[in-house]
Amino acid sequence: MKLIIAEKNDAARQIAERLSTGKPKKDKVYNTAIYRFDINLRDATVLGLVGAGGIGAPLIFAMSSYRWNEVGAILLGLIVLVLIIEWISAKIRVKLARG
């Protein structure tokens, strides 16, 4: 019985320490900000493709003008941009997870 109470007290102490630092709240805010940035990048591309402006607008203009070399270059640029952002986001998330 004493062992169970000691474990509960230790767990409660660890939870209290963790919550008192404010670190979990900061981590959630940073993770949400990174996630929203990723989503906004993709949304801007899609909005451009449907004609509402954004990153995809040059792509749709090149496609409507049948400039396929330019379309390929823009698509490659968008893919590289998304991959770089994903890589940076993953690095930041790992650092946040480690503390």
PDB file of N, CA and C in Angstrom:
ATOM      1  N   MET A   1       0.817  -1.186   0.000  1.00  0.00           N
ATOM      2  CA  MET A   1       0.000   0.000   0.000  1.00  0.00           C
ATOM      3  C   MET A   1       0.868   1.260   0.000  1.00  0.00           C
ATOM      4  N   LYS A   2       1.949   1.240   0.760  1.00  0.00           N
ATOM      5  CA  LYS A   2       2.827   2.408   0.824  1.00  0.00           C
ATOM      6  C   LYS A   2       3.466   2.677  -0.531  1.00  0.00           C
ATOM      7  N   LEU A   3       3.785   1.611  -1.271  1.00  0.00           N
ATOM      8  CA  LEU A   3       4.403   1.771  -2.584  1.00  0.00           C
ATOM      9  C   LEU A   3       3.453   2.475  -3.551  1.00  0.00           C
ATOM     10  N   ILE A   4       2.189   2.111  -3.540  1.00  0.00           N
ATOM     11  CA  ILE A   4       1.207   2.727  -4.438  1.00  0.00           C
ATOM     12  C   ILE A   4       1.042   4.201  -4.105  1.00  0.00           C
ATOM     13  N   ILE A   5       0.950   4.526  -2.825  1.00  0.00           N
ATOM     14  CA  ILE A   5       0.805   5.925  -2.417  1.00  0.00           C
ATOM     15  C   ILE A   5       2.039   6.728  -2.814  1.00  0.00           C
ATOM     16  N   ALA A   6       3.225   6.121  -2.619  1.00  0.00           N
ATOM     17  CA  ALA A   6       4.464   6.809  -3.000  1.00  0.00           C
ATOM     18  C   ALA A   6       4.500   7.056  -4.507  1.00  0.00           C
ATOM     19  N   GLU A   7       4.057   6.074  -5.308  1.00  0.00           N
ATOM     20  CA  GLU A   7       4.026   6.265  -6.753  1.00  0.00           C
ATOM     21  C   GLU A   7       3.054   7.372  -7.135  1.00  0.00           C
ATOM     22  N   LYS A   8       1.892   7.403  -6.501  1.00  0.00           N
ATOM     23  CA  LYS A   8       0.918   8.442  -6.803  1.00  0.00           C
ATOM     24  C   LYS A   8       1.444   9.813  -6.411  1.00  0.00           C
ATOM     25  N   ASN A   9       2.091   9.902  -5.266  1.00  0.00           N
ATOM     26  CA  ASN A   9       2.644  11.186  -4.834  1.00  0.00           C
ATOM     27  C   ASN A   9       3.740  11.647  -5.778  1.00  0.00           C
ATOM     28  N   ASP A  10       4.593  10.712  -6.212  1.00  0.00           N
ATOM     29  CA  ASP A  10       5.666  11.059  -7.146  1.00  0.00           C
ATOM     30  C   ASP A  10       5.086  11.502  -8.486  1.00  0.00           C
ATOM     31  N   ALA A  11       4.065  10.812  -8.943  1.00  0.00           N
ATOM     32  CA  ALA A  11       3.430  11.189 -10.209  1.00  0.00           C
ATOM     33  C   ALA A  11       2.792  12.567 -10.085  1.00  0.00           C
ATOM     34  N   ALA A  12       2.123  12.816  -8.965  1.00  0.00           N
ATOM     35  CA  ALA A  12       1.498  14.120  -8.761  1.00  0.00           C
ATOM     36  C   ALA A  12       2.554  15.227  -8.715  1.00  0.00           C
ATOM     37  N   ARG A  13       3.685  14.951  -8.093  1.00  0.00           N
ATOM     38  CA  ARG A  13       4.756  15.942  -8.022  1.00  0.00           C
ATOM     39  C   ARG A  13       5.308  16.228  -9.422  1.00  0.00           C
ATOM     40  N   GLN A  14       5.508  15.179 -10.206  1.00  0.00           N
ATOM     41  CA  GLN A  14       6.025  15.368 -11.556  1.00  0.00           C
ATOM     42  C   GLN A  14       5.042  16.146 -12.429  1.00  0.00           C
ATOM     43  N   ILE A  15       3.757  15.849 -12.278  1.00  0.00           N
ATOM     44  CA  ILE A  15       2.745  16.579 -13.049  1.00  0.00           C
ATOM     45  C   ILE A  15       2.730  18.043 -12.647  1.00  0.00           C
ATOM     46  N   ALA A  16       2.798  18.294 -11.352  1.00  0.00           N
ATOM     47  CA  ALA A  16       2.798  19.678 -10.873  1.00  0.00           C
ATOM     48  C   ALA A  16       4.020  20.436 -11.378  1.00  0.00           C
ATOM     49  N   GLU A  17       5.188  19.789 -11.373  1.00  0.00           N
ATOM     50  CA  GLU A  17       6.396  20.439 -11.881  1.00  0.00           C
ATOM     51  C   GLU A  17       6.264  20.746 -13.370  1.00  0.00           C
ATOM     52  N   ARG A  18       5.740  19.796 -14.092  1.00  0.00           N
ATOM     53  CA  ARG A  18       5.604  19.961 -15.535  1.00  0.00           C
ATOM     54  C   ARG A  18       4.636  21.101 -15.875  1.00  0.00           C
ATOM     55  N   LEU A  19       3.521  21.162 -15.158  1.00  0.00           N
ATOM     56  CA  LEU A  19       2.531  22.200 -15.422  1.00  0.00           C
ATOM     57  C   LEU A  19       2.986  23.573 -14.946  1.00  0.00           C
ATOM     58  N   SER A  20       3.799  23.617 -13.921  1.00  0.00           N
ATOM     59  CA  SER A  20       4.210  24.904 -13.375  1.00  0.00           C
ATOM     60  C   SER A  20       5.236  25.618 -14.250  1.00  0.00           C
ATOM     61  N   THR A  21       5.942  24.884 -15.106  1.00  0.00           N
ATOM     62  CA  THR A  21       6.957  25.519 -15.943  1.00  0.00           C
ATOM     63  C   THR A  21       6.359  26.270 -17.119  1.00  0.00           C
ATOM     64  N   GLY A  22       5.154  25.937 -17.526  1.00  0.00           N
ATOM     65  CA  GLY A  22       4.542  26.575 -18.683  1.00  0.00           C
ATOM     66  C   GLY A  22       5.031  26.014 -20.000  1.00  0.00           C
ATOM     67  N   LYS A  23       5.943  25.066 -19.962  1.00  0.00           N
ATOM     68  CA  LYS A  23       6.514  24.508 -21.178  1.00  0.00           C
ATOM     69  C   LYS A  23       5.482  23.798 -22.060  1.00  0.00           C
ATOM     70  N   PRO A  24       4.571  23.010 -21.486  1.00  0.00           N
ATOM     71  CA  PRO A  24       3.606  22.347 -22.364  1.00  0.00           C
ATOM     72  C   PRO A  24       2.756  23.328 -23.171  1.00  0.00           C
ATOM     73  N   LYS A  25       2.403  24.449 -22.568  1.00  0.00           N
ATOM     74  CA  LYS A  25       1.603  25.433 -23.285  1.00  0.00           C
ATOM     75  C   LYS A  25       2.395  26.040 -24.438  1.00  0.00           C
ATOM     76  N   LYS A  26       3.667  26.354 -24.185  1.00  0.00           N
ATOM     77  CA  LYS A  26       4.513  26.913 -25.246  1.00  0.00           C
ATOM     78  C   LYS A  26       4.665  25.909 -26.383  1.00  0.00           C
ATOM     79  N   ASP A  27       4.897  24.646 -26.038  1.00  0.00           N
ATOM     80  CA  ASP A  27       5.068  23.622 -27.066  1.00  0.00           C
ATOM     81  C   ASP A  27       3.818  23.505 -27.933  1.00  0.00           C
ATOM     82  N   LYS A  28       2.652  23.544 -27.311  1.00  0.00           N
ATOM     83  CA  LYS A  28       1.414  23.449 -28.075  1.00  0.00           C
ATOM     84  C   LYS A  28       1.244  24.645 -29.001  1.00  0.00           C
ATOM     85  N   VAL A  29       1.584  25.815 -28.518  1.00  0.00           N
ATOM     86  CA  VAL A  29       1.463  27.016 -29.345  1.00  0.00           C
ATOM     87  C   VAL A  29       2.416  26.942 -30.528  1.00  0.00           C
ATOM     88  N   TYR A  30       3.656  26.557 -30.272  1.00  0.00           N
ATOM     89  CA  TYR A  30       4.636  26.459 -31.357  1.00  0.00           C
ATOM     90  C   TYR A  30       4.240  25.385 -32.364  1.00  0.00           C
ATOM     91  N   ASN A  31       3.816  24.227 -31.878  1.00  0.00           N
ATOM     92  CA  ASN A  31       3.406  23.152 -32.784  1.00  0.00           C
ATOM     93  C   ASN A  31       2.211  23.572 -33.628  1.00  0.00           C
ATOM     94  N   THR A  32       1.261  24.247 -33.021  1.00  0.00           N
ATOM     95  CA  THR A  32       0.093  24.708 -33.766  1.00  0.00           C
ATOM     96  C   THR A  32       0.491  25.753 -34.805  1.00  0.00           C
ATOM     97  N   ALA A  33       1.385  26.649 -34.451  1.00  0.00           N
ATOM     98  CA  ALA A  33       1.834  27.673 -35.398  1.00  0.00           C
ATOM     99  C   ALA A  33       2.551  27.044 -36.592  1.00  0.00           C
ATOM    100  N   ILE A  34       3.395  26.082 -36.331  1.00  0.00           N
ATOM    101  CA  ILE A  34       4.107  25.393 -37.421  1.00  0.00           C
ATOM    102  C   ILE A  34       3.124  24.652 -38.313  1.00  0.00           C
ATOM    103  N   TYR A  35       2.164  23.969 -37.690  1.00  0.00           N
ATOM    104  CA  TYR A  35       1.156  23.216 -38.430  1.00  0.00           C
ATOM    105  C   TYR A  35       0.317  24.150 -39.303  1.00  0.00           C
ATOM    106  N   ARG A  36      -0.104  25.282 -38.748  1.00  0.00           N
ATOM    107  CA  ARG A  36      -0.910  26.228 -39.509  1.00  0.00           C
ATOM    108  C   ARG A  36      -0.116  26.827 -40.674  1.00  0.00           C
ATOM    109  N   PHE A  37       1.180  27.067 -40.459  1.00  0.00           N
ATOM    110  CA  PHE A  37       2.012  27.584 -41.544  1.00  0.00           C
ATOM    111  C   PHE A  37       2.065  26.585 -42.696  1.00  0.00           C
ATOM    112  N   ASP A  38       2.241  25.309 -42.376  1.00  0.00           N
ATOM    113  CA  ASP A  38       2.253  24.271 -43.411  1.00  0.00           C
ATOM    114  C   ASP A  38       0.934  24.247 -44.177  1.00  0.00           C
ATOM    115  N   ILE A  39      -0.157  24.307 -43.452  1.00  0.00           N
ATOM    116  CA  ILE A  39      -1.476  24.273 -44.092  1.00  0.00           C
ATOM    117  C   ILE A  39      -1.682  25.508 -44.965  1.00  0.00           C
ATOM    118  N   ASN A  40      -1.287  26.671 -44.455  1.00  0.00           N
ATOM    119  CA  ASN A  40      -1.464  27.903 -45.223  1.00  0.00           C
ATOM    120  C   ASN A  40      -0.663  27.889 -46.518  1.00  0.00           C
ATOM    121  N   LEU A  41       0.519  27.302 -46.487  1.00  0.00           N
ATOM    122  CA  LEU A  41       1.333  27.196 -47.701  1.00  0.00           C
ATOM    123  C   LEU A  41       0.603  26.362 -48.750  1.00  0.00           C
ATOM    124  N   ARG A  42       0.065  25.237 -48.346  1.00  0.00           N
ATOM    125  CA  ARG A  42      -0.661  24.384 -49.290  1.00  0.00           C
ATOM    126  C   ARG A  42      -1.952  25.047 -49.759  1.00  0.00           C
ATOM    127  N   ASP A  43      -2.649  25.705 -48.839  1.00  0.00           N
ATOM    128  CA  ASP A  43      -3.890  26.382 -49.215  1.00  0.00           C
ATOM    129  C   ASP A  43      -3.643  27.494 -50.219  1.00  0.00           C
ATOM    130  N   ALA A  44      -2.562  28.229 -50.057  1.00  0.00           N
ATOM    131  CA  ALA A  44      -2.243  29.305 -51.000  1.00  0.00           C
ATOM    132  C   ALA A  44      -1.987  28.744 -52.389  1.00  0.00           C
ATOM    133  N   THR A  45      -1.376  27.576 -52.460  1.00  0.00           N
ATOM    134  CA  THR A  45      -1.132  26.948 -53.753  1.00  0.00           C
ATOM    135  C   THR A  45      -2.445  26.535 -54.404  1.00  0.00           C
ATOM    136  N   VAL A  46      -3.314  25.913 -53.633  1.00  0.00           N
ATOM    137  CA  VAL A  46      -4.603  25.470 -54.175  1.00  0.00           C
ATOM    138  C   VAL A  46      -5.462  26.666 -54.579  1.00  0.00           C
ATOM    139  N   LEU A  47      -5.464  27.711 -53.771  1.00  0.00           N
ATOM    140  CA  LEU A  47      -6.234  28.901 -54.123  1.00  0.00           C
ATOM    141  C   LEU A  47      -5.761  29.511 -55.432  1.00  0.00           C
ATOM    142  N   GLY A  48      -4.465  29.489 -55.660  1.00  0.00           N
ATOM    143  CA  GLY A  48      -3.940  30.001 -56.918  1.00  0.00           C
ATOM    144  C   GLY A  48      -4.383  29.163 -58.100  1.00  0.00           C
ATOM    145  N   LEU A  49      -4.474  27.860 -57.879  1.00  0.00           N
ATOM    146  CA  LEU A  49      -4.890  26.978 -58.967  1.00  0.00           C
ATOM    147  C   LEU A  49      -6.356  27.178 -59.350  1.00  0.00           C
ATOM    148  N   VAL A  50      -7.182  27.569 -58.411  1.00  0.00           N
ATOM    149  CA  VAL A  50      -8.596  27.776 -58.736  1.00  0.00           C
ATOM    150  C   VAL A  50      -8.883  29.226 -59.125  1.00  0.00           C
ATOM    151  N   GLY A  51      -7.855  30.052 -59.167  1.00  0.00           N
ATOM    152  CA  GLY A  51      -8.012  31.401 -59.673  1.00  0.00           C
ATOM    153  C   GLY A  51      -8.222  32.480 -58.639  1.00  0.00           C
ATOM    154  N   ALA A  52      -7.961  32.199 -57.386  1.00  0.00           N
ATOM    155  CA  ALA A  52      -8.168  33.194 -56.336  1.00  0.00           C
ATOM    156  C   ALA A  52      -6.880  33.875 -55.905  1.00  0.00           C
ATOM    157  N   GLY A  53      -5.834  33.753 -56.662  1.00  0.00           N
ATOM    158  CA  GLY A  53      -4.544  34.336 -56.288  1.00  0.00           C
ATOM    159  C   GLY A  53      -3.749  33.355 -55.463  1.00  0.00           C
ATOM    160  N   GLY A  54      -2.669  33.806 -54.896  1.00  0.00           N
ATOM    161  CA  GLY A  54      -1.840  32.926 -54.078  1.00  0.00           C
ATOM    162  C   GLY A  54      -0.642  32.419 -54.836  1.00  0.00           C
ATOM    163  N   ILE A  55       0.035  31.442 -54.245  1.00  0.00           N
ATOM    164  CA  ILE A  55       1.272  30.912 -54.817  1.00  0.00           C
ATOM    165  C   ILE A  55       1.016  30.197 -56.137  1.00  0.00           C
ATOM    166  N   GLY A  56      -0.133  29.582 -56.288  1.00  0.00           N
ATOM    167  CA  GLY A  56      -0.423  28.807 -57.493  1.00  0.00           C
ATOM    168  C   GLY A  56      -0.863  29.637 -58.684  1.00  0.00           C
ATOM    169  N   ALA A  57      -1.049  30.941 -58.510  1.00  0.00           N
ATOM    170  CA  ALA A  57      -1.501  31.796 -59.615  1.00  0.00           C
ATOM    171  C   ALA A  57      -0.549  31.766 -60.807  1.00  0.00           C
ATOM    172  N   PRO A  58       0.766  31.908 -60.597  1.00  0.00           N
ATOM    173  CA  PRO A  58       1.658  31.819 -61.766  1.00  0.00           C
ATOM    174  C   PRO A  58       1.564  30.467 -62.486  1.00  0.00           C
ATOM    175  N   LEU A  59       1.274  29.427 -61.727  1.00  0.00           N
ATOM    176  CA  LEU A  59       1.133  28.100 -62.338  1.00  0.00           C
ATOM    177  C   LEU A  59      -0.076  28.063 -63.259  1.00  0.00           C
ATOM    178  N   ILE A  60      -1.203  28.563 -62.800  1.00  0.00           N
ATOM    179  CA  ILE A  60      -2.402  28.532 -63.634  1.00  0.00           C
ATOM    180  C   ILE A  60      -2.264  29.447 -64.847  1.00  0.00           C
ATOM    181  N   PHE A  61      -1.569  30.577 -64.686  1.00  0.00           N
ATOM    182  CA  PHE A  61      -1.345  31.470 -65.832  1.00  0.00           C
ATOM    183  C   PHE A  61      -0.451  30.796 -66.871  1.00  0.00           C
ATOM    184  N   ALA A  62       0.571  30.102 -66.422  1.00  0.00           N
ATOM    185  CA  ALA A  62       1.459  29.406 -67.362  1.00  0.00           C
ATOM    186  C   ALA A  62       0.723  28.253 -68.049  1.00  0.00           C
ATOM    187  N   MET A  63      -0.129  27.570 -67.308  1.00  0.00           N
ATOM    188  CA  MET A  63      -0.885  26.465 -67.908  1.00  0.00           C
ATOM    189  C   MET A  63      -1.883  26.974 -68.951  1.00  0.00           C
ATOM    190  N   SER A  64      -2.520  28.102 -68.668  1.00  0.00           N
ATOM    191  CA  SER A  64      -3.496  28.628 -69.628  1.00  0.00           C
ATOM    192  C   SER A  64      -2.819  29.178 -70.888  1.00  0.00           C
ATOM    193  N   SER A  65      -1.539  29.520 -70.782  1.00  0.00           N
ATOM    194  CA  SER A  65      -0.780  30.017 -71.942  1.00  0.00           C
ATOM    195  C   SER A  65       0.001  28.910 -72.636  1.00  0.00           C
ATOM    196  N   TYR A  66      -0.153  27.680 -72.163  1.00  0.00           N
ATOM    197  CA  TYR A  66       0.540  26.519 -72.739  1.00  0.00           C
ATOM    198  C   TYR A  66       2.058  26.650 -72.718  1.00  0.00           C
ATOM    199  N   ARG A  67       2.581  27.264 -71.662  1.00  0.00           N
ATOM    200  CA  ARG A  67       4.042  27.367 -71.490  1.00  0.00           C
ATOM    201  C   ARG A  67       4.473  26.241 -70.556  1.00  0.00           C
ATOM    202  N   TRP A  68       4.642  25.068 -71.135  1.00  0.00           N
ATOM    203  CA  TRP A  68       4.836  23.862 -70.329  1.00  0.00           C
ATOM    204  C   TRP A  68       6.196  23.823 -69.645  1.00  0.00           C
ATOM    205  N   ASN A  69       7.214  24.441 -70.231  1.00  0.00           N
ATOM    206  CA  ASN A  69       8.510  24.511 -69.548  1.00  0.00           C
ATOM    207  C   ASN A  69       8.391  25.327 -68.264  1.00  0.00           C
ATOM    208  N   GLU A  70       7.646  26.416 -68.348  1.00  0.00           N
ATOM    209  CA  GLU A  70       7.434  27.252 -67.168  1.00  0.00           C
ATOM    210  C   GLU A  70       6.580  26.525 -66.130  1.00  0.00           C
ATOM    211  N   VAL A  71       5.585  25.784 -66.599  1.00  0.00           N
ATOM    212  CA  VAL A  71       4.741  24.997 -65.687  1.00  0.00           C
ATOM    213  C   VAL A  71       5.593  23.989 -64.920  1.00  0.00           C
ATOM    214  N   GLY A  72       6.474  23.310 -65.632  1.00  0.00           N
ATOM    215  CA  GLY A  72       7.349  22.337 -64.976  1.00  0.00           C
ATOM    216  C   GLY A  72       8.260  22.978 -63.949  1.00  0.00           C
ATOM    217  N   ALA A  73       8.803  24.140 -64.293  1.00  0.00           N
ATOM    218  CA  ALA A  73       9.691  24.835 -63.360  1.00  0.00           C
ATOM    219  C   ALA A  73       8.926  25.303 -62.121  1.00  0.00           C
ATOM    220  N   ILE A  74       7.717  25.810 -62.307  1.00  0.00           N
ATOM    221  CA  ILE A  74       6.922  26.263 -61.169  1.00  0.00           C
ATOM    222  C   ILE A  74       6.538  25.086 -60.282  1.00  0.00           C
ATOM    223  N   LEU A  75       6.115  23.995 -60.894  1.00  0.00           N
ATOM    224  CA  LEU A  75       5.767  22.803 -60.103  1.00  0.00           C
ATOM    225  C   LEU A  75       6.967  22.288 -59.320  1.00  0.00           C
ATOM    226  N   LEU A  76       8.107  22.249 -59.969  1.00  0.00           N
ATOM    227  CA  LEU A  76       9.316  21.803 -59.273  1.00  0.00           C
ATOM    228  C   LEU A  76       9.644  22.735 -58.110  1.00  0.00           C
ATOM    229  N   GLY A  77       9.511  24.039 -58.354  1.00  0.00           N
ATOM    230  CA  GLY A  77       9.759  25.005 -57.286  1.00  0.00           C
ATOM    231  C   GLY A  77       8.802  24.825 -56.116  1.00  0.00           C
ATOM    232  N   LEU A  78       7.523  24.599 -56.418  1.00  0.00           N
ATOM    233  CA  LEU A  78       6.538  24.390 -55.353  1.00  0.00           C
ATOM    234  C   LEU A  78       6.827  23.123 -54.552  1.00  0.00           C
ATOM    235  N   ILE A  79       7.195  22.060 -55.254  1.00  0.00           N
ATOM    236  CA  ILE A  79       7.514  20.798 -54.567  1.00  0.00           C
ATOM    237  C   ILE A  79       8.727  20.971 -53.670  1.00  0.00           C
ATOM    238  N   VAL A  80       9.752  21.629 -54.185  1.00  0.00           N
ATOM    239  CA  VAL A  80      10.958  21.859 -53.382  1.00  0.00           C
ATOM    240  C   VAL A  80      10.641  22.746 -52.182  1.00  0.00           C
ATOM    241  N   LEU A  81       9.821  23.781 -52.395  1.00  0.00           N
ATOM    242  CA  LEU A  81       9.438  24.672 -51.305  1.00  0.00           C
ATOM    243  C   LEU A  81       8.701  23.905 -50.206  1.00  0.00           C
ATOM    244  N   VAL A  82       7.752  23.074 -50.590  1.00  0.00           N
ATOM    245  CA  VAL A  82       7.003  22.294 -49.601  1.00  0.00           C
ATOM    246  C   VAL A  82       7.921  21.323 -48.866  1.00  0.00           C
ATOM    247  N   LEU A  83       8.821  20.678 -49.580  1.00  0.00           N
ATOM    248  CA  LEU A  83       9.752  19.738 -48.929  1.00  0.00           C
ATOM    249  C   LEU A  83      10.677  20.444 -47.947  1.00  0.00           C
ATOM    250  N   ILE A  84      11.162  21.624 -48.318  1.00  0.00           N
ATOM    251  CA  ILE A  84      12.040  22.378 -47.415  1.00  0.00           C
ATOM    252  C   ILE A  84      11.279  22.795 -46.156  1.00  0.00           C
ATOM    253  N   ILE A  85      10.058  23.287 -46.349  1.00  0.00           N
ATOM    254  CA  ILE A  85       9.247  23.692 -45.195  1.00  0.00           C
ATOM    255  C   ILE A  85       8.960  22.494 -44.300  1.00  0.00           C
ATOM    256  N   GLU A  86       8.656  21.353 -44.886  1.00  0.00           N
ATOM    257  CA  GLU A  86       8.399  20.146 -44.094  1.00  0.00           C
ATOM    258  C   GLU A  86       9.650  19.725 -43.318  1.00  0.00           C
ATOM    259  N   TRP A  87      10.804  19.815 -43.953  1.00  0.00           N
ATOM    260  CA  TRP A  87      12.050  19.426 -43.290  1.00  0.00           C
ATOM    261  C   TRP A  87      12.340  20.344 -42.102  1.00  0.00           C
ATOM    262  N   ILE A  88      12.189  21.646 -42.339  1.00  0.00           N
ATOM    263  CA  ILE A  88      12.419  22.614 -41.258  1.00  0.00           C
ATOM    264  C   ILE A  88      11.413  22.401 -40.128  1.00  0.00           C
ATOM    265  N   SER A  89      10.162  22.175 -40.482  1.00  0.00           N
ATOM    266  CA  SER A  89       9.128  21.938 -39.466  1.00  0.00           C
ATOM    267  C   SER A  89       9.440  20.696 -38.639  1.00  0.00           C
ATOM    268  N   ALA A  90       9.899  19.646 -39.307  1.00  0.00           N
ATOM    269  CA  ALA A  90      10.235  18.414 -38.580  1.00  0.00           C
ATOM    270  C   ALA A  90      11.387  18.658 -37.611  1.00  0.00           C
ATOM    271  N   LYS A  91      12.386  19.411 -38.042  1.00  0.00           N
ATOM    272  CA  LYS A  91      13.517  19.718 -37.159  1.00  0.00           C
ATOM    273  C   LYS A  91      13.054  20.518 -35.933  1.00  0.00           C
ATOM    274  N   ILE A  92      12.193  21.495 -36.163  1.00  0.00           N
ATOM    275  CA  ILE A  92      11.704  22.306 -35.049  1.00  0.00           C
ATOM    276  C   ILE A  92      10.871  21.461 -34.096  1.00  0.00           C
ATOM    277  N   ARG A  93      10.029  20.597 -34.647  1.00  0.00           N
ATOM    278  CA  ARG A  93       9.201  19.734 -33.782  1.00  0.00           C
ATOM    279  C   ARG A  93      10.042  18.798 -32.951  1.00  0.00           C
ATOM    280  N   VAL A  94      11.115  18.268 -33.526  1.00  0.00           N
ATOM    281  CA  VAL A  94      12.003  17.381 -32.762  1.00  0.00           C
ATOM    282  C   VAL A  94      12.652  18.151 -31.627  1.00  0.00           C
ATOM    283  N   LYS A  95      13.105  19.364 -31.899  1.00  0.00           N
ATOM    284  CA  LYS A  95      13.717  20.176 -30.829  1.00  0.00           C
ATOM    285  C   LYS A  95      12.716  20.496 -29.736  1.00  0.00           C
ATOM    286  N   LEU A  96      11.464  20.788 -30.122  1.00  0.00           N
ATOM    287  CA  LEU A  96      10.439  21.062 -29.122  1.00  0.00           C
ATOM    288  C   LEU A  96      10.117  19.826 -28.297  1.00  0.00           C
ATOM    289  N   ALA A  97      10.117  18.664 -28.937  1.00  0.00           N
ATOM    290  CA  ALA A  97       9.803  17.430 -28.223  1.00  0.00           C
ATOM    291  C   ALA A  97      10.904  17.075 -27.226  1.00  0.00           C
ATOM    292  N   ARG A  98      12.130  17.355 -27.587  1.00  0.00           N
ATOM    293  CA  ARG A  98      13.249  17.029 -26.686  1.00  0.00           C
ATOM    294  C   ARG A  98      13.363  18.004 -25.518  1.00  0.00           C
ATOM    295  N   GLY A  99      12.873  19.192 -25.724  1.00  0.00           N
ATOM    296  CA  GLY A  99      12.878  20.166 -24.633  1.00  0.00           C
ATOM    297  C   GLY A  99      14.001  21.078 -24.630  1.00  0.00           C
TER     298      GLY A  99
END
